[in-house]
Amino acid sequence: MKTLILTRHAKSSWNDLTLQDHERVLNARGRASATAIGRWLNIQGHHPTEMISSNAIRCLETWDLISAQLPAIKNSSTHQKLYLAAPLTIYEVLKQANNETVIMLGHNPGIGEFANDLAIQASDHPQSRQYPTAATTIITFNIHDWSTLLMGTGTVIDFIVPRDLTE
């Protein structure tokens, strides 16, 4: 059994117009949201053992804040090709994963489309199609190796957005 945690980066800032999109950082709301998602993952017992992320600053900062709430992991990688990636690119990167529970951080629309394409049935949460910032889906697969992953075979265990944690 494999578990995938798919997280869109948290809310980023547009305050510094001199920054390239790839270099944008999280704003205050984004930092609070990432911390809340990390806390929720920990409480729910969703502890990744491998992290795979876009190398965009906002994804890495999101991971730093999430991971501060979780047990430490040793396996992590960042990929330029996951920056604004399409679902097929995300899929190809995931198939190279090595651990039981993987968290992937990326960007919309790719990460949201990928989350919905992976599952037998998408989450019925009203925000699952929009996949707002810091949205997180937990999907399990009845496979022994990520290289055998097929689209449309996962079971959505949970879906959360930061707003659910503050209401």
Protein backbone atom coordinates (compact mmCIF):
# COMPACT_ATOMS: atom_id res chain seq x y z
CA MET A 1 0.00 0.00 0.00
CA LYS A 2 1.29 3.46 -0.94
CA THR A 3 0.03 6.83 0.23
CA LEU A 4 0.35 10.13 -1.62
CA ILE A 5 -0.13 13.54 -0.07
CA LEU A 6 -0.62 16.19 -2.77
CA THR A 7 -0.32 19.79 -1.62
CA ARG A 8 -0.57 22.98 -3.63
CA HIS A 9 1.83 25.66 -2.36
CA ALA A 10 0.38 28.09 0.17
CA LYS A 11 -0.67 31.66 -0.69
CA SER A 12 2.20 33.69 -2.07
CA SER A 13 2.91 37.39 -2.13
CA TRP A 14 2.72 39.72 -5.12
CA ASN A 15 4.17 42.65 -3.13
CA ASP A 16 7.61 42.62 -4.75
CA LEU A 17 7.02 43.07 -8.47
CA THR A 18 10.75 42.82 -9.16
CA LEU A 19 10.71 39.10 -8.31
CA GLN A 20 10.29 36.50 -11.02
CA ASP A 21 7.26 34.25 -10.48
CA HIS A 22 9.55 31.34 -9.52
CA GLU A 23 11.07 33.45 -6.71
CA ARG A 24 7.87 34.64 -5.01
CA VAL A 25 7.62 33.97 -1.26
CA LEU A 26 4.62 33.20 0.93
CA ASN A 27 2.57 35.99 2.43
CA ALA A 28 1.42 35.98 6.08
CA ARG A 29 -1.77 34.08 5.27
CA GLY A 30 0.24 31.51 3.32
CA ARG A 31 2.67 30.97 6.19
CA ALA A 32 -0.22 30.46 8.62
CA SER A 33 -1.96 28.09 6.19
CA ALA A 34 1.13 25.95 5.62
CA THR A 35 1.69 25.64 9.36
CA ALA A 36 -1.97 24.67 9.86
CA ILE A 37 -1.77 22.02 7.13
CA GLY A 38 1.37 20.57 8.70
CA ARG A 39 -0.29 20.45 12.11
CA TRP A 40 -3.37 18.78 10.60
CA LEU A 41 -1.24 16.17 8.78
CA ASN A 42 0.51 15.36 12.04
CA ILE A 43 -2.71 15.08 14.05
CA GLN A 44 -4.25 12.86 11.36
CA GLY A 45 -1.17 10.63 11.34
CA HIS A 46 -0.26 11.41 7.73
CA HIS A 47 3.52 11.34 8.08
CA PRO A 48 5.40 11.44 4.78
CA THR A 49 8.69 9.60 4.45
CA GLU A 50 9.66 11.27 1.18
CA MET A 51 9.14 14.80 -0.14
CA ILE A 52 9.11 15.72 -3.82
CA SER A 53 8.58 19.36 -4.77
CA SER A 54 8.78 22.00 -7.41
CA ASN A 55 11.89 24.06 -6.81
CA ALA A 56 9.89 27.31 -6.70
CA ILE A 57 10.53 29.31 -3.52
CA ARG A 58 6.84 29.28 -2.52
CA CYS A 59 6.74 25.46 -2.67
CA LEU A 60 9.94 25.09 -0.66
CA GLU A 61 8.76 27.59 1.93
CA THR A 62 5.42 25.75 2.15
CA TRP A 63 7.31 22.51 2.79
CA ASP A 64 9.54 24.10 5.43
CA LEU A 65 6.48 25.21 7.40
CA ILE A 66 4.60 21.92 6.94
CA SER A 67 7.62 19.80 7.83
CA ALA A 68 8.22 21.76 11.04
CA GLN A 69 5.01 20.13 12.31
CA LEU A 70 5.96 16.57 11.29
CA PRO A 71 8.53 13.91 12.16
CA ALA A 72 11.76 14.50 10.24
CA ILE A 73 12.26 12.80 6.89
CA LYS A 74 15.52 11.95 5.16
CA ASN A 75 14.44 11.65 1.54
CA SER A 76 13.62 14.84 -0.32
CA SER A 77 14.08 16.14 -3.84
CA THR A 78 13.23 19.27 -5.76
CA HIS A 79 12.66 19.44 -9.49
CA GLN A 80 12.62 22.36 -11.91
CA LYS A 81 10.31 20.33 -14.17
CA LEU A 82 7.60 20.37 -11.47
CA TYR A 83 7.41 24.18 -11.68
CA LEU A 84 3.98 24.81 -13.27
CA ALA A 85 3.99 21.15 -14.41
CA ALA A 86 1.19 19.37 -16.24
CA PRO A 87 -0.31 16.24 -14.65
CA LEU A 88 1.67 13.89 -16.91
CA THR A 89 4.99 15.40 -15.78
CA ILE A 90 3.96 15.12 -12.11
CA TYR A 91 2.97 11.49 -12.76
CA GLU A 92 6.33 10.63 -14.31
CA VAL A 93 8.22 12.15 -11.38
CA LEU A 94 6.04 10.35 -8.82
CA LYS A 95 6.67 6.99 -10.48
CA GLN A 96 10.34 7.37 -9.45
CA ALA A 97 9.50 7.70 -5.72
CA ASN A 98 10.89 5.13 -3.30
CA ASN A 99 8.98 5.44 -0.01
CA GLU A 100 5.62 4.30 1.36
CA THR A 101 4.21 7.77 2.00
CA VAL A 102 5.17 10.59 -0.36
CA ILE A 103 4.23 14.26 -0.17
CA MET A 104 4.39 16.24 -3.42
CA LEU A 105 4.17 20.02 -3.55
CA GLY A 106 3.34 21.87 -6.73
CA HIS A 107 1.27 24.42 -8.58
CA ASN A 108 -2.15 24.76 -10.12
CA PRO A 109 -3.64 23.86 -12.45
CA GLY A 110 -1.42 20.77 -12.70
CA ILE A 111 -1.42 19.60 -9.08
CA GLY A 112 -5.21 19.89 -8.73
CA GLU A 113 -5.86 18.14 -12.04
CA PHE A 114 -3.38 15.41 -11.07
CA ALA A 115 -5.11 14.85 -7.71
CA ASN A 116 -8.46 14.41 -9.41
CA ASP A 117 -7.07 12.25 -12.26
CA LEU A 118 -5.34 9.84 -9.86
CA ALA A 119 -8.45 8.85 -7.95
CA ILE A 120 -11.10 6.32 -8.85
CA GLN A 121 -13.50 8.96 -7.60
CA ALA A 122 -12.46 12.53 -6.83
CA SER A 123 -13.14 14.04 -3.43
CA ASP A 124 -16.66 15.36 -2.95
CA HIS A 125 -15.30 18.39 -1.08
CA PRO A 126 -16.64 21.55 -2.78
CA GLN A 127 -13.08 22.93 -3.23
CA SER A 128 -11.48 19.78 -4.70
CA ARG A 129 -11.84 20.88 -8.34
CA GLN A 130 -10.66 24.44 -7.72
CA TYR A 131 -7.74 23.23 -5.53
CA PRO A 132 -7.05 26.54 -3.75
CA THR A 133 -3.69 27.41 -2.21
CA ALA A 134 -2.49 24.86 0.38
CA ALA A 135 -5.24 22.41 -0.63
CA THR A 136 -4.13 18.91 0.34
CA THR A 137 -5.41 15.53 -0.82
CA ILE A 138 -4.50 12.17 0.72
CA ILE A 139 -4.76 9.27 -1.75
CA THR A 140 -3.93 5.60 -1.18
CA PHE A 141 -2.99 3.03 -3.81
CA ASN A 142 -3.00 -0.74 -3.63
CA ILE A 143 0.50 -1.07 -5.14
CA HIS A 144 3.90 -2.13 -3.85
CA ASP A 145 6.03 0.08 -6.08
CA TRP A 146 5.39 3.60 -7.33
CA SER A 147 6.68 2.61 -10.78
CA THR A 148 3.51 0.53 -11.27
CA LEU A 149 1.15 3.42 -10.49
CA LEU A 150 -1.76 3.83 -12.90
CA MET A 151 -4.00 6.87 -13.23
CA GLY A 152 -7.53 6.51 -11.88
CA THR A 153 -6.65 3.80 -9.33
CA GLY A 154 -6.33 5.72 -6.07
CA THR A 155 -8.75 6.09 -3.19
CA VAL A 156 -9.17 9.56 -1.72
CA ILE A 157 -8.82 9.26 2.04
CA ASP A 158 -9.07 12.95 2.84
CA PHE A 159 -9.10 16.44 1.36
CA ILE A 160 -8.53 19.62 3.33
CA VAL A 161 -8.11 23.33 2.69
CA PRO A 162 -6.80 25.78 5.30
CA ARG A 163 -10.19 27.46 5.61
CA ASP A 164 -11.61 24.14 6.94
CA LEU A 165 -9.12 24.36 9.79
CA THR A 166 -10.09 27.87 10.86
CA GLU A 167 -13.89 27.63 10.74
